[in-house]
């Protein structure tokens, strides 16, 4: 399958810092379809080194591996794509590094940004949020559930609700139209990463190993 074909089927997206292979395997067994390496503490060489573990784990489980905010290191990291925020490289600049076949994700925080990303030919998927305020993005105000509902009504591309989502808060996002979700602490801080991922995937309405209708 191509990266875009896998993206179309993806439901649960894990973002984390550099992690051991055992943790990544557990999250992917539990049902994460995409894993993103986001580690601002690492220099370029260490980031590429950490990416090798992510690449190997993703390959072992048929998942996608995305690098955060570093389109210039995607090739060296052998990532399937890159995710860029509103203050990062533009999707066009990211695409120039990646070429036509890798995927580009875009963070959005308001309807106008969602509309722009949905219309941008260089963007393959959107992150919609933060649904709730989260310490992973300090100072970023919550976009709320109404923004999730807006995306459900209007966005044609694959999109993932993001921001403070866990087993307690995800059901409300699903009620407002979310069918995909990005999580961080809901898995990284769980005692059992595999079980946490499986629970989140079930809340999204799909069992482990199933694809989106």
N, C-alpha and C. Protein backbone atom coordinates (compact mmCIF):
# COMPACT_ATOMS: atom_id res chain seq x y z
N UNK A 1 0.83 -1.20 0.00
CA UNK A 1 0.00 0.00 0.00
C UNK A 1 0.86 1.24 0.00
N UNK A 2 0.39 2.30 -0.64
CA UNK A 2 1.11 3.57 -0.60
C UNK A 2 0.85 4.25 0.73
N UNK A 3 1.65 5.28 1.00
CA UNK A 3 1.46 6.04 2.24
C UNK A 3 0.07 6.66 2.29
N UNK A 4 -0.41 7.15 1.17
CA UNK A 4 -1.74 7.78 1.17
C UNK A 4 -2.85 6.74 1.36
N UNK A 5 -2.66 5.55 0.84
CA UNK A 5 -3.65 4.50 1.06
C UNK A 5 -3.70 4.11 2.53
N UNK A 6 -2.54 4.02 3.17
CA UNK A 6 -2.51 3.72 4.60
C UNK A 6 -3.13 4.87 5.39
N UNK A 7 -2.86 6.09 4.97
CA UNK A 7 -3.43 7.25 5.65
C UNK A 7 -4.95 7.22 5.61
N UNK A 8 -5.50 6.84 4.49
CA UNK A 8 -6.96 6.82 4.35
C UNK A 8 -7.59 5.85 5.34
N UNK A 9 -6.87 4.79 5.70
CA UNK A 9 -7.40 3.80 6.63
C UNK A 9 -7.06 4.10 8.09
N UNK A 10 -6.17 5.05 8.34
CA UNK A 10 -5.66 5.29 9.68
C UNK A 10 -6.71 5.93 10.57
N UNK A 11 -6.73 5.49 11.84
CA UNK A 11 -7.68 6.04 12.79
C UNK A 11 -7.01 6.60 14.04
N UNK A 12 -5.97 5.91 14.51
CA UNK A 12 -5.33 6.31 15.78
C UNK A 12 -3.88 6.68 15.52
N UNK A 13 -3.51 7.88 15.95
CA UNK A 13 -2.22 8.51 15.62
C UNK A 13 -1.53 8.85 16.94
N UNK A 14 -0.37 8.27 17.14
CA UNK A 14 0.41 8.52 18.36
C UNK A 14 1.56 9.47 18.07
N UNK A 15 1.68 10.52 18.88
CA UNK A 15 2.81 11.43 18.83
C UNK A 15 3.61 11.25 20.11
N UNK A 16 4.92 11.06 19.97
CA UNK A 16 5.74 10.89 21.17
C UNK A 16 7.19 11.28 20.90
N UNK A 17 7.93 11.40 21.99
CA UNK A 17 9.36 11.66 21.90
C UNK A 17 10.08 10.35 21.61
N UNK A 18 11.39 10.41 21.53
CA UNK A 18 12.18 9.20 21.28
C UNK A 18 11.85 8.15 22.34
N UNK A 19 11.54 6.94 21.88
CA UNK A 19 11.08 5.89 22.77
C UNK A 19 11.73 4.57 22.42
N UNK A 20 11.80 3.64 23.38
CA UNK A 20 12.34 2.32 23.09
C UNK A 20 11.42 1.55 22.14
N UNK A 21 12.00 0.60 21.45
CA UNK A 21 11.25 -0.22 20.51
C UNK A 21 10.09 -0.95 21.20
N UNK A 22 10.30 -1.42 22.42
CA UNK A 22 9.25 -2.17 23.11
C UNK A 22 8.00 -1.32 23.31
N UNK A 23 8.17 -0.06 23.65
CA UNK A 23 7.01 0.83 23.82
C UNK A 23 6.28 1.01 22.49
N UNK A 24 7.03 1.26 21.42
CA UNK A 24 6.41 1.48 20.12
C UNK A 24 5.67 0.22 19.66
N UNK A 25 6.29 -0.93 19.85
CA UNK A 25 5.63 -2.18 19.47
C UNK A 25 4.31 -2.35 20.21
N UNK A 26 4.31 -2.04 21.50
CA UNK A 26 3.09 -2.19 22.29
C UNK A 26 1.99 -1.27 21.77
N UNK A 27 2.31 -0.01 21.53
CA UNK A 27 1.30 0.94 21.04
C UNK A 27 0.78 0.53 19.67
N UNK A 28 1.65 0.05 18.83
CA UNK A 28 1.25 -0.36 17.48
C UNK A 28 0.44 -1.65 17.52
N UNK A 29 0.79 -2.57 18.38
CA UNK A 29 -0.03 -3.78 18.55
C UNK A 29 -1.43 -3.41 19.02
N UNK A 30 -1.49 -2.41 19.88
CA UNK A 30 -2.78 -1.98 20.40
C UNK A 30 -3.66 -1.31 19.37
N UNK A 31 -3.08 -0.86 18.29
CA UNK A 31 -3.92 -0.30 17.23
C UNK A 31 -3.53 1.05 16.71
N UNK A 32 -2.41 1.63 17.15
CA UNK A 32 -1.96 2.88 16.54
C UNK A 32 -1.60 2.62 15.08
N UNK A 33 -2.09 3.47 14.20
CA UNK A 33 -1.85 3.33 12.77
C UNK A 33 -0.70 4.21 12.27
N UNK A 34 -0.45 5.28 13.02
CA UNK A 34 0.60 6.24 12.68
C UNK A 34 1.36 6.55 13.95
N UNK A 35 2.68 6.65 13.84
CA UNK A 35 3.48 7.09 14.97
C UNK A 35 4.37 8.24 14.51
N UNK A 36 4.32 9.32 15.26
CA UNK A 36 5.09 10.51 14.91
C UNK A 36 6.19 10.73 15.95
N UNK A 37 7.39 10.94 15.46
CA UNK A 37 8.52 11.29 16.33
C UNK A 37 8.57 12.80 16.47
N UNK A 38 8.33 13.25 17.69
CA UNK A 38 8.38 14.68 18.00
C UNK A 38 9.25 14.84 19.24
N UNK A 39 10.48 15.26 19.02
CA UNK A 39 11.41 15.39 20.15
C UNK A 39 12.28 16.61 19.92
N UNK A 40 11.91 17.71 20.57
CA UNK A 40 12.61 18.98 20.40
C UNK A 40 13.94 19.02 21.13
N UNK A 41 14.22 18.01 21.93
CA UNK A 41 15.47 18.01 22.70
C UNK A 41 16.64 17.44 21.92
N UNK A 42 16.37 16.79 20.81
CA UNK A 42 17.42 16.09 20.08
C UNK A 42 18.02 16.93 18.97
N UNK A 43 19.33 16.83 18.80
CA UNK A 43 19.98 17.41 17.64
C UNK A 43 19.70 16.57 16.40
N UNK A 44 20.15 17.05 15.26
CA UNK A 44 19.82 16.39 14.00
C UNK A 44 20.29 14.94 13.97
N UNK A 45 21.52 14.67 14.33
CA UNK A 45 22.05 13.31 14.26
C UNK A 45 21.29 12.37 15.20
N UNK A 46 21.00 12.84 16.40
CA UNK A 46 20.28 12.00 17.36
C UNK A 46 18.84 11.77 16.91
N UNK A 47 18.25 12.78 16.26
CA UNK A 47 16.89 12.62 15.77
C UNK A 47 16.84 11.55 14.67
N UNK A 48 17.79 11.60 13.77
CA UNK A 48 17.86 10.59 12.72
C UNK A 48 18.11 9.21 13.32
N UNK A 49 18.95 9.15 14.34
CA UNK A 49 19.22 7.87 15.00
C UNK A 49 17.95 7.33 15.66
N UNK A 50 17.22 8.20 16.37
CA UNK A 50 15.96 7.76 17.00
C UNK A 50 14.95 7.32 15.96
N UNK A 51 14.98 7.96 14.81
CA UNK A 51 14.02 7.62 13.75
C UNK A 51 14.16 6.19 13.27
N UNK A 52 15.35 5.64 13.39
CA UNK A 52 15.55 4.25 12.93
C UNK A 52 14.67 3.29 13.71
N UNK A 53 14.54 3.52 14.99
CA UNK A 53 13.68 2.67 15.82
C UNK A 53 12.22 2.82 15.42
N UNK A 54 11.80 4.05 15.18
CA UNK A 54 10.42 4.30 14.76
C UNK A 54 10.13 3.66 13.41
N UNK A 55 11.09 3.77 12.49
CA UNK A 55 10.91 3.19 11.16
C UNK A 55 10.78 1.68 11.24
N UNK A 56 11.63 1.06 12.03
CA UNK A 56 11.60 -0.40 12.15
C UNK A 56 10.30 -0.87 12.79
N UNK A 57 9.85 -0.16 13.82
CA UNK A 57 8.60 -0.55 14.48
C UNK A 57 7.41 -0.36 13.54
N UNK A 58 7.37 0.75 12.83
CA UNK A 58 6.28 0.99 11.89
C UNK A 58 6.24 -0.09 10.81
N UNK A 59 7.39 -0.45 10.29
CA UNK A 59 7.45 -1.48 9.26
C UNK A 59 6.95 -2.82 9.79
N UNK A 60 7.30 -3.13 11.02
CA UNK A 60 6.91 -4.42 11.60
C UNK A 60 5.41 -4.54 11.78
N UNK A 61 4.72 -3.40 11.89
CA UNK A 61 3.28 -3.42 12.16
C UNK A 61 2.45 -2.84 11.02
N UNK A 62 3.07 -2.56 9.89
CA UNK A 62 2.33 -2.01 8.76
C UNK A 62 1.78 -0.62 9.00
N UNK A 63 2.49 0.15 9.83
CA UNK A 63 2.03 1.50 10.19
C UNK A 63 2.84 2.56 9.46
N UNK A 64 2.38 3.79 9.58
CA UNK A 64 3.08 4.94 9.01
C UNK A 64 3.98 5.57 10.07
N UNK A 65 5.11 6.09 9.62
CA UNK A 65 6.03 6.82 10.49
C UNK A 65 6.18 8.24 9.95
N UNK A 66 5.87 9.22 10.79
CA UNK A 66 5.90 10.63 10.42
C UNK A 66 6.88 11.36 11.32
N UNK A 67 7.60 12.29 10.75
CA UNK A 67 8.53 13.13 11.50
C UNK A 67 7.89 14.49 11.72
N UNK A 68 8.07 15.03 12.91
CA UNK A 68 7.50 16.33 13.22
C UNK A 68 8.43 17.46 12.79
N UNK A 69 7.90 18.39 12.00
CA UNK A 69 8.51 19.71 11.82
C UNK A 69 9.91 19.71 11.21
N UNK A 70 10.35 18.62 10.59
CA UNK A 70 11.67 18.61 10.00
C UNK A 70 11.65 17.99 8.61
N UNK A 71 11.05 18.69 7.65
CA UNK A 71 11.03 18.14 6.29
C UNK A 71 12.43 17.91 5.73
N UNK A 72 13.40 18.67 6.23
CA UNK A 72 14.78 18.51 5.74
C UNK A 72 15.41 17.21 6.20
N UNK A 73 14.82 16.56 7.22
CA UNK A 73 15.38 15.30 7.72
C UNK A 73 14.53 14.09 7.37
N UNK A 74 13.46 14.28 6.63
CA UNK A 74 12.58 13.16 6.30
C UNK A 74 13.31 12.08 5.51
N UNK A 75 14.05 12.48 4.51
CA UNK A 75 14.75 11.49 3.69
C UNK A 75 15.79 10.73 4.52
N UNK A 76 16.57 11.46 5.31
CA UNK A 76 17.58 10.80 6.14
C UNK A 76 16.95 9.89 7.19
N UNK A 77 15.73 10.21 7.61
CA UNK A 77 15.03 9.41 8.62
C UNK A 77 14.19 8.30 8.00
N UNK A 78 14.09 8.30 6.68
CA UNK A 78 13.26 7.32 5.97
C UNK A 78 11.82 7.35 6.46
N UNK A 79 11.33 8.54 6.76
CA UNK A 79 9.95 8.70 7.23
C UNK A 79 8.99 8.68 6.05
N UNK A 80 7.73 8.35 6.34
CA UNK A 80 6.69 8.36 5.32
C UNK A 80 6.18 9.77 5.04
N UNK A 81 6.52 10.70 5.93
CA UNK A 81 6.05 12.05 5.73
C UNK A 81 6.45 12.94 6.88
N UNK A 82 5.88 14.14 6.88
CA UNK A 82 6.20 15.14 7.88
C UNK A 82 4.92 15.83 8.32
N UNK A 83 4.93 16.30 9.56
CA UNK A 83 3.81 17.11 10.06
C UNK A 83 4.33 18.51 10.36
N UNK A 84 3.63 19.52 9.85
CA UNK A 84 4.05 20.91 10.06
C UNK A 84 2.93 21.70 10.71
N UNK A 85 3.31 22.55 11.67
CA UNK A 85 2.36 23.42 12.34
C UNK A 85 2.20 24.73 11.60
N UNK A 86 1.33 25.56 12.14
CA UNK A 86 1.09 26.87 11.51
C UNK A 86 2.31 27.76 11.57
N UNK A 87 3.20 27.54 12.52
CA UNK A 87 4.40 28.36 12.66
C UNK A 87 5.65 27.66 12.11
N UNK A 88 5.46 26.50 11.49
CA UNK A 88 6.59 25.75 10.93
C UNK A 88 6.71 26.05 9.44
N UNK A 89 7.44 25.21 8.74
CA UNK A 89 7.56 25.34 7.30
C UNK A 89 6.17 25.26 6.65
N UNK A 90 5.99 25.95 5.55
CA UNK A 90 4.72 25.86 4.84
C UNK A 90 4.59 24.48 4.20
N UNK A 91 3.36 24.05 3.91
CA UNK A 91 3.21 22.78 3.21
C UNK A 91 3.96 22.75 1.88
N UNK A 92 3.99 23.86 1.17
CA UNK A 92 4.71 23.91 -0.10
C UNK A 92 6.20 23.69 0.10
N UNK A 93 6.76 24.30 1.14
CA UNK A 93 8.18 24.12 1.43
C UNK A 93 8.46 22.68 1.85
N UNK A 94 7.55 22.11 2.65
CA UNK A 94 7.71 20.72 3.04
C UNK A 94 7.65 19.81 1.82
N UNK A 95 6.70 20.06 0.95
CA UNK A 95 6.56 19.23 -0.26
C UNK A 95 7.81 19.31 -1.13
N UNK A 96 8.43 20.45 -1.16
CA UNK A 96 9.65 20.58 -1.96
C UNK A 96 10.75 19.65 -1.47
N UNK A 97 10.80 19.43 -0.16
CA UNK A 97 11.77 18.48 0.39
C UNK A 97 11.35 17.04 0.16
N UNK A 98 10.05 16.77 0.28
CA UNK A 98 9.56 15.40 0.32
C UNK A 98 9.34 14.78 -1.05
N UNK A 99 9.02 15.59 -2.06
CA UNK A 99 8.63 15.03 -3.34
C UNK A 99 7.16 14.65 -3.33
N UNK A 100 6.67 14.01 -4.39
CA UNK A 100 5.24 13.80 -4.55
C UNK A 100 4.65 12.64 -3.76
N UNK A 101 5.46 11.70 -3.30
CA UNK A 101 4.90 10.45 -2.79
C UNK A 101 4.75 10.39 -1.27
N UNK A 102 5.53 11.16 -0.55
CA UNK A 102 5.39 11.17 0.90
C UNK A 102 4.24 12.09 1.32
N UNK A 103 3.80 11.94 2.56
CA UNK A 103 2.62 12.68 3.01
C UNK A 103 3.02 13.89 3.85
N UNK A 104 2.18 14.92 3.79
CA UNK A 104 2.36 16.14 4.55
C UNK A 104 1.11 16.38 5.38
N UNK A 105 1.29 16.53 6.70
CA UNK A 105 0.19 16.87 7.59
C UNK A 105 0.28 18.31 8.03
N UNK A 106 -0.85 18.89 8.38
CA UNK A 106 -0.90 20.30 8.75
C UNK A 106 -1.75 20.49 10.00
N UNK A 107 -1.21 21.17 10.99
CA UNK A 107 -1.99 21.54 12.17
C UNK A 107 -2.94 22.68 11.83
N UNK A 108 -4.16 22.60 12.35
CA UNK A 108 -5.12 23.70 12.18
C UNK A 108 -5.81 23.94 13.51
N UNK A 109 -6.17 25.20 13.76
CA UNK A 109 -6.73 25.59 15.05
C UNK A 109 -8.04 26.37 14.93
N UNK A 110 -8.48 26.62 13.71
CA UNK A 110 -9.68 27.42 13.49
C UNK A 110 -10.24 27.10 12.11
N UNK A 111 -11.52 27.39 11.88
CA UNK A 111 -12.13 27.05 10.60
C UNK A 111 -11.39 27.58 9.38
N UNK A 112 -10.90 28.81 9.43
CA UNK A 112 -10.21 29.36 8.26
C UNK A 112 -8.95 28.55 7.94
N UNK A 113 -8.25 28.09 8.97
CA UNK A 113 -7.05 27.28 8.74
C UNK A 113 -7.43 25.91 8.19
N UNK A 114 -8.52 25.35 8.67
CA UNK A 114 -8.99 24.06 8.13
C UNK A 114 -9.37 24.21 6.67
N UNK A 115 -10.07 25.28 6.34
CA UNK A 115 -10.46 25.50 4.95
C UNK A 115 -9.24 25.62 4.05
N UNK A 116 -8.23 26.36 4.52
CA UNK A 116 -7.02 26.56 3.72
C UNK A 116 -6.27 25.24 3.52
N UNK A 117 -6.15 24.46 4.59
CA UNK A 117 -5.43 23.18 4.47
C UNK A 117 -6.19 22.20 3.60
N UNK A 118 -7.50 22.20 3.71
CA UNK A 118 -8.31 21.29 2.90
C UNK A 118 -8.19 21.60 1.42
N UNK A 119 -7.98 22.88 1.10
CA UNK A 119 -7.87 23.30 -0.29
C UNK A 119 -6.44 23.25 -0.83
N UNK A 120 -5.47 23.00 0.05
CA UNK A 120 -4.05 23.04 -0.32
C UNK A 120 -3.63 21.69 -0.89
N UNK A 121 -3.20 21.68 -2.13
CA UNK A 121 -2.84 20.42 -2.79
C UNK A 121 -1.60 19.78 -2.17
N UNK A 122 -0.83 20.54 -1.41
CA UNK A 122 0.36 19.98 -0.77
C UNK A 122 0.06 19.31 0.57
N UNK A 123 -1.15 19.44 1.07
CA UNK A 123 -1.54 18.87 2.36
C UNK A 123 -2.31 17.57 2.14
N UNK A 124 -1.92 16.53 2.86
CA UNK A 124 -2.60 15.24 2.76
C UNK A 124 -3.57 14.99 3.89
N UNK A 125 -3.30 15.53 5.08
CA UNK A 125 -4.22 15.35 6.20
C UNK A 125 -4.11 16.54 7.13
N UNK A 126 -5.14 16.72 7.97
CA UNK A 126 -5.20 17.83 8.91
C UNK A 126 -5.27 17.30 10.34
N UNK A 127 -4.68 18.04 11.26
CA UNK A 127 -4.95 17.87 12.69
C UNK A 127 -5.85 19.02 13.11
N UNK A 128 -6.92 18.70 13.81
CA UNK A 128 -7.97 19.67 14.16
C UNK A 128 -8.00 19.81 15.68
N UNK A 129 -7.63 21.00 16.17
CA UNK A 129 -7.63 21.18 17.61
C UNK A 129 -6.76 22.36 18.04
N UNK A 130 -6.34 22.39 19.30
CA UNK A 130 -6.60 21.38 20.32
C UNK A 130 -8.05 21.39 20.80
N UNK A 131 -8.63 20.21 20.87
CA UNK A 131 -9.99 20.11 21.36
C UNK A 131 -10.06 20.61 22.80
N UNK A 132 -9.06 20.23 23.60
CA UNK A 132 -8.92 20.70 24.97
C UNK A 132 -7.51 21.26 25.15
N UNK A 133 -7.36 22.17 26.09
CA UNK A 133 -6.02 22.68 26.39
C UNK A 133 -5.13 21.51 26.85
N UNK A 134 -3.87 21.56 26.46
CA UNK A 134 -2.97 20.46 26.75
C UNK A 134 -1.58 20.98 27.07
N UNK A 135 -0.88 20.38 28.03
CA UNK A 135 0.47 20.83 28.36
C UNK A 135 1.49 20.56 27.27
N UNK A 136 1.15 19.73 26.28
CA UNK A 136 2.08 19.52 25.18
C UNK A 136 2.14 20.73 24.25
N UNK A 137 1.13 21.60 24.35
CA UNK A 137 1.12 22.86 23.59
C UNK A 137 0.78 24.00 24.53
N UNK A 138 1.71 24.36 25.42
CA UNK A 138 1.42 25.40 26.41
C UNK A 138 1.08 26.73 25.76
N UNK A 139 0.04 27.36 26.30
CA UNK A 139 -0.38 28.66 25.79
C UNK A 139 -1.34 28.60 24.62
N UNK A 140 -1.56 27.42 24.07
CA UNK A 140 -2.48 27.28 22.95
C UNK A 140 -3.89 27.12 23.49
N UNK A 141 -4.80 28.06 23.22
CA UNK A 141 -6.16 27.92 23.75
C UNK A 141 -6.90 26.78 23.07
N UNK A 142 -7.84 26.21 23.80
CA UNK A 142 -8.63 25.11 23.24
C UNK A 142 -9.51 25.62 22.11
N UNK A 143 -9.58 24.84 21.04
CA UNK A 143 -10.47 25.16 19.93
C UNK A 143 -11.87 24.66 20.18
N UNK A 144 -11.99 23.63 21.03
CA UNK A 144 -13.30 23.17 21.46
C UNK A 144 -13.95 22.16 20.53
N UNK A 145 -15.04 21.60 21.01
CA UNK A 145 -15.76 20.58 20.27
C UNK A 145 -16.48 21.13 19.06
N UNK A 146 -16.81 22.41 19.08
CA UNK A 146 -17.49 22.98 17.91
C UNK A 146 -16.57 22.98 16.68
N UNK A 147 -15.27 23.11 16.94
CA UNK A 147 -14.34 23.04 15.81
C UNK A 147 -14.29 21.62 15.25
N UNK A 148 -14.40 20.63 16.12
CA UNK A 148 -14.49 19.25 15.65
C UNK A 148 -15.73 19.08 14.78
N UNK A 149 -16.84 19.60 15.23
CA UNK A 149 -18.08 19.50 14.46
C UNK A 149 -17.96 20.22 13.12
N UNK A 150 -17.27 21.36 13.12
CA UNK A 150 -17.07 22.09 11.86
C UNK A 150 -16.27 21.23 10.88
N UNK A 151 -15.19 20.61 11.36
CA UNK A 151 -14.39 19.77 10.49
C UNK A 151 -15.21 18.60 9.96
N UNK A 152 -16.03 18.01 10.81
CA UNK A 152 -16.86 16.89 10.38
C UNK A 152 -17.82 17.29 9.27
N UNK A 153 -18.27 18.53 9.30
CA UNK A 153 -19.21 19.00 8.28
C UNK A 153 -18.52 19.39 6.98
N UNK A 154 -17.28 19.87 7.06
CA UNK A 154 -16.72 20.57 5.90
C UNK A 154 -15.45 19.98 5.31
N UNK A 155 -14.63 19.31 6.10
CA UNK A 155 -13.31 18.89 5.62
C UNK A 155 -13.42 17.58 4.85
N UNK A 156 -12.90 17.59 3.64
CA UNK A 156 -12.96 16.41 2.78
C UNK A 156 -11.75 15.48 2.97
N UNK A 157 -10.61 16.04 3.31
CA UNK A 157 -9.40 15.23 3.48
C UNK A 157 -9.45 14.49 4.82
N UNK A 158 -8.61 13.46 4.98
CA UNK A 158 -8.51 12.83 6.30
C UNK A 158 -8.12 13.87 7.35
N UNK A 159 -8.80 13.84 8.49
CA UNK A 159 -8.46 14.76 9.57
C UNK A 159 -8.57 14.04 10.91
N UNK A 160 -7.75 14.50 11.84
CA UNK A 160 -7.63 13.88 13.15
C UNK A 160 -7.91 14.92 14.22
N UNK A 161 -8.82 14.63 15.11
CA UNK A 161 -9.00 15.49 16.29
C UNK A 161 -7.77 15.33 17.18
N UNK A 162 -7.36 16.40 17.82
CA UNK A 162 -6.15 16.39 18.64
C UNK A 162 -6.32 17.34 19.82
N UNK A 163 -5.66 17.01 20.93
CA UNK A 163 -5.59 17.94 22.05
C UNK A 163 -6.36 17.47 23.27
N UNK A 164 -5.64 16.90 24.23
CA UNK A 164 -6.26 16.50 25.48
C UNK A 164 -7.23 15.33 25.35
N UNK A 165 -7.04 14.50 24.33
CA UNK A 165 -7.95 13.38 24.11
C UNK A 165 -7.43 12.13 24.81
N UNK A 166 -8.33 11.50 25.54
CA UNK A 166 -8.02 10.25 26.23
C UNK A 166 -9.31 9.45 26.34
N UNK A 167 -9.29 8.40 27.12
CA UNK A 167 -10.47 7.54 27.21
C UNK A 167 -11.68 8.28 27.78
N UNK A 168 -11.45 9.34 28.54
CA UNK A 168 -12.55 10.10 29.13
C UNK A 168 -13.08 11.18 28.20
N UNK A 169 -12.22 11.79 27.42
CA UNK A 169 -12.63 12.93 26.59
C UNK A 169 -12.91 12.56 25.14
N UNK A 170 -12.38 11.44 24.69
CA UNK A 170 -12.57 11.07 23.28
C UNK A 170 -14.04 10.83 22.91
N UNK A 171 -14.86 10.20 23.75
CA UNK A 171 -16.24 9.97 23.35
C UNK A 171 -16.99 11.23 22.92
N UNK A 172 -16.76 12.35 23.59
CA UNK A 172 -17.45 13.58 23.20
C UNK A 172 -16.99 14.05 21.83
N UNK A 173 -15.69 13.89 21.53
CA UNK A 173 -15.20 14.26 20.21
C UNK A 173 -15.81 13.37 19.14
N UNK A 174 -15.96 12.09 19.45
CA UNK A 174 -16.60 11.18 18.51
C UNK A 174 -18.06 11.59 18.28
N UNK A 175 -18.75 11.98 19.35
CA UNK A 175 -20.13 12.43 19.22
C UNK A 175 -20.25 13.66 18.32
N UNK A 176 -19.19 14.45 18.27
CA UNK A 176 -19.19 15.65 17.43
C UNK A 176 -18.62 15.38 16.04
N UNK A 177 -18.35 14.14 15.72
CA UNK A 177 -17.99 13.80 14.35
C UNK A 177 -16.58 13.30 14.12
N UNK A 178 -15.75 13.25 15.16
CA UNK A 178 -14.38 12.77 14.97
C UNK A 178 -14.39 11.26 14.70
N UNK A 179 -13.64 10.84 13.71
CA UNK A 179 -13.46 9.43 13.41
C UNK A 179 -12.00 9.02 13.47
N UNK A 180 -11.14 9.99 13.66
CA UNK A 180 -9.70 9.77 13.81
C UNK A 180 -9.22 10.67 14.96
N UNK A 181 -8.17 10.23 15.64
CA UNK A 181 -7.67 11.02 16.76
C UNK A 181 -6.16 10.90 16.88
N UNK A 182 -5.56 12.01 17.31
CA UNK A 182 -4.15 12.05 17.69
C UNK A 182 -4.08 12.09 19.20
N UNK A 183 -3.22 11.26 19.78
CA UNK A 183 -3.03 11.27 21.22
C UNK A 183 -1.55 11.31 21.55
N UNK A 184 -1.26 11.81 22.74
CA UNK A 184 0.10 11.78 23.26
C UNK A 184 0.06 11.08 24.62
N UNK A 185 -0.33 11.82 25.65
CA UNK A 185 -0.25 11.31 27.02
C UNK A 185 -1.16 10.11 27.27
N UNK A 186 -2.25 10.00 26.51
CA UNK A 186 -3.17 8.88 26.72
C UNK A 186 -2.49 7.54 26.52
N UNK A 187 -1.41 7.53 25.75
CA UNK A 187 -0.64 6.30 25.57
C UNK A 187 0.71 6.40 26.26
N UNK A 188 1.41 7.54 26.13
CA UNK A 188 2.76 7.63 26.68
C UNK A 188 2.77 7.54 28.21
N UNK A 189 1.69 7.96 28.86
CA UNK A 189 1.64 7.93 30.31
C UNK A 189 0.84 6.75 30.85
N UNK A 190 0.39 5.89 29.96
CA UNK A 190 -0.38 4.72 30.38
C UNK A 190 0.54 3.64 30.95
N UNK A 191 0.03 2.90 31.90
CA UNK A 191 0.80 1.79 32.45
C UNK A 191 0.97 0.68 31.41
N UNK A 192 -0.02 0.53 30.55
CA UNK A 192 -0.01 -0.50 29.51
C UNK A 192 -0.33 0.17 28.19
N UNK A 193 0.69 0.45 27.38
CA UNK A 193 0.50 1.19 26.14
C UNK A 193 -0.39 0.43 25.16
N UNK A 194 -0.23 -0.87 25.12
CA UNK A 194 -1.03 -1.68 24.19
C UNK A 194 -2.51 -1.61 24.56
N UNK A 195 -2.79 -1.79 25.83
CA UNK A 195 -4.18 -1.74 26.27
C UNK A 195 -4.78 -0.36 26.07
N UNK A 196 -4.01 0.68 26.34
CA UNK A 196 -4.51 2.05 26.16
C UNK A 196 -4.84 2.32 24.70
N UNK A 197 -3.97 1.90 23.80
CA UNK A 197 -4.22 2.10 22.37
C UNK A 197 -5.45 1.34 21.93
N UNK A 198 -5.59 0.11 22.39
CA UNK A 198 -6.75 -0.69 22.00
C UNK A 198 -8.05 -0.06 22.49
N UNK A 199 -8.04 0.50 23.69
CA UNK A 199 -9.23 1.14 24.23
C UNK A 199 -9.60 2.37 23.42
N UNK A 200 -8.60 3.17 23.07
CA UNK A 200 -8.86 4.37 22.28
C UNK A 200 -9.40 4.01 20.90
N UNK A 201 -8.82 2.99 20.31
CA UNK A 201 -9.28 2.56 18.99
C UNK A 201 -10.73 2.08 19.05
N UNK A 202 -11.06 1.37 20.12
CA UNK A 202 -12.44 0.92 20.29
C UNK A 202 -13.39 2.11 20.44
N UNK A 203 -12.97 3.13 21.15
CA UNK A 203 -13.80 4.32 21.31
C UNK A 203 -14.01 5.05 19.99
N UNK A 204 -13.06 4.90 19.08
CA UNK A 204 -13.22 5.48 17.74
C UNK A 204 -14.14 4.64 16.86
N UNK A 205 -14.58 3.51 17.38
CA UNK A 205 -15.55 2.71 16.67
C UNK A 205 -14.97 1.66 15.75
N UNK A 206 -13.75 1.25 16.03
CA UNK A 206 -13.13 0.24 15.17
C UNK A 206 -12.24 -0.64 16.04
N UNK A 207 -12.25 -1.93 15.76
CA UNK A 207 -11.41 -2.85 16.52
C UNK A 207 -10.04 -2.93 15.93
N UNK A 208 -9.11 -3.48 16.68
CA UNK A 208 -7.73 -3.62 16.19
C UNK A 208 -7.73 -4.47 14.93
N UNK A 209 -7.01 -3.99 13.92
CA UNK A 209 -6.90 -4.73 12.66
C UNK A 209 -7.95 -4.36 11.64
N UNK A 210 -8.98 -3.62 12.06
CA UNK A 210 -10.00 -3.19 11.11
C UNK A 210 -9.61 -1.88 10.47
N UNK A 211 -10.21 -1.58 9.33
CA UNK A 211 -9.94 -0.33 8.63
C UNK A 211 -11.20 0.51 8.60
N UNK A 212 -11.01 1.75 8.24
CA UNK A 212 -12.14 2.67 8.19
C UNK A 212 -13.07 2.32 7.04
N UNK A 213 -14.38 2.36 7.24
CA UNK A 213 -15.30 2.09 6.13
C UNK A 213 -15.21 3.15 5.06
